[in-house]
Protein backbone atom coordinates (compact mmCIF):
# COMPACT_ATOMS: atom_id res chain seq x y z
CA MET A 1 0.00 0.00 0.01
CA SER A 2 1.26 3.47 -0.85
CA GLU A 3 1.95 5.79 2.03
CA ARG A 4 0.73 8.75 0.04
CA PRO A 5 -2.92 9.33 -0.56
CA ASN A 6 -4.25 8.72 -4.08
CA SER A 7 -5.61 12.26 -4.20
CA ILE A 8 -3.93 15.58 -4.42
CA PHE A 9 -5.36 18.79 -3.02
CA VAL A 10 -4.37 21.76 -5.14
CA PRO A 11 -4.79 25.49 -4.50
CA ILE A 12 -7.00 25.76 -7.55
CA ASP A 13 -8.03 29.35 -6.80
CA TYR A 14 -4.43 30.42 -7.52
CA VAL A 15 -4.41 28.44 -10.77
CA ARG A 16 -7.69 30.10 -11.76
CA GLU A 17 -6.28 33.53 -10.98
CA LEU A 18 -3.24 32.86 -13.18
CA ARG A 19 -5.41 31.60 -16.05
CA ALA A 20 -7.88 34.52 -15.76
CA SER A 21 -5.01 36.95 -16.02
CA GLY A 22 -3.72 35.24 -19.14
CA GLN A 23 -0.83 33.44 -17.45
CA ILE A 24 -1.79 29.99 -18.70
CA ASP A 25 1.79 28.77 -19.08
CA LYS A 26 2.55 29.82 -15.50
CA ALA A 27 -0.60 28.10 -14.25
CA ASP A 28 0.46 24.87 -16.00
CA ALA A 29 3.98 25.29 -14.54
CA PHE A 30 2.48 25.57 -11.08
CA LEU A 31 0.46 22.39 -11.54
CA THR A 32 3.52 20.46 -12.67
CA TYR A 33 5.64 21.89 -9.85
CA PHE A 34 2.94 21.00 -7.32
CA ALA A 35 2.64 17.44 -8.68
CA ASP A 36 6.44 17.08 -8.50
CA MET A 37 6.39 18.28 -4.92
CA HIS A 38 3.59 15.86 -4.05
CA ASP A 39 5.50 12.94 -5.66
CA ASP A 40 8.81 13.87 -3.92
CA GLU A 41 10.54 14.61 -7.25
CA TRP A 42 13.27 17.20 -6.90
CA TYR A 43 14.66 19.18 -9.83
CA GLY A 44 16.75 22.32 -10.17
CA PHE A 45 15.98 25.71 -11.68
CA PRO A 46 17.64 24.81 -15.01
CA PHE A 47 15.42 21.75 -15.35
CA TYR A 48 12.25 23.76 -14.75
CA ALA A 49 13.43 26.58 -16.97
CA LYS A 50 13.83 24.10 -19.86
CA ARG A 51 10.53 22.33 -19.04
CA TRP A 52 8.62 25.58 -18.89
CA HIS A 53 10.43 27.29 -21.75
CA VAL A 54 11.60 30.23 -19.65
CA ASP A 55 15.01 31.46 -18.50
CA PRO A 56 16.42 30.11 -15.18
CA GLN A 57 15.89 33.43 -13.38
CA THR A 58 12.17 33.36 -14.28
CA ALA A 59 11.94 29.72 -13.14
CA GLN A 60 13.50 30.71 -9.84
CA GLN A 61 11.05 33.63 -9.45
CA TRP A 62 8.07 31.42 -10.25
CA ILE A 63 9.21 28.72 -7.83
CA ASN A 64 9.60 31.26 -5.09
CA GLU A 65 6.09 32.51 -5.79
CA PHE A 66 4.76 28.98 -5.98
CA SER A 67 6.35 28.13 -2.66
CA ASN A 68 4.75 31.13 -1.06
CA GLN A 69 1.31 30.26 -2.52
CA ILE A 70 1.63 26.70 -1.31
CA SER A 71 2.57 27.89 2.18
CA ILE A 72 -0.47 30.19 2.28
CA TYR A 73 -2.70 27.35 1.11
CA PHE A 74 -1.60 24.86 3.76
CA ALA A 75 -1.42 27.51 6.53
CA THR A 76 -5.01 28.45 5.72
CA TRP A 77 -6.14 24.86 6.03
CA GLN A 78 -4.29 24.59 9.42
CA ILE A 79 -6.13 27.65 10.65
CA VAL A 80 -9.53 26.30 9.41
CA ASN A 81 -8.79 22.96 11.02
CA ASP A 82 -7.81 24.51 14.39
CA SER A 83 -10.82 26.83 14.33
CA HIS A 84 -13.21 24.03 13.57
CA CYS A 85 -11.74 21.79 16.25
CA HIS A 86 -12.02 24.54 18.85
CA ALA A 87 -15.64 25.25 17.84
CA VAL A 88 -16.55 21.58 18.08
CA SER A 89 -14.81 21.27 21.46
CA ALA A 90 -16.74 24.27 22.72
CA LYS A 91 -20.03 22.53 21.93
CA VAL A 92 -19.24 19.60 24.25
C-alpha cells in the first residue's frame, strides 16, 4: 500500500487567478511543480526553466512565488482545522 494518498489537493483558486490573467503557461507550470512536490521529485531551476520554456531566473522567481502560495494554502487549512476543532470542542 502506498503511504501517500491517491488524491492531491491543489490550491485551484491560485491556478484560476493565473489563467484569468492570461498566465496559462505559469498556471500549468504551477500544476507540474505542485505534482512534482507531491511525488517527492526534486529538480533544479535549469530543469524547470527548460521544461517551462523560460530562463532560469524566471523559473526561480516562479518557484519562489509557488512556494509562497503553497505555504499560504496549507497555513489556511491549518487555521480552518484549528478553528473548527475549537468550535466543536466548545459545543461539548
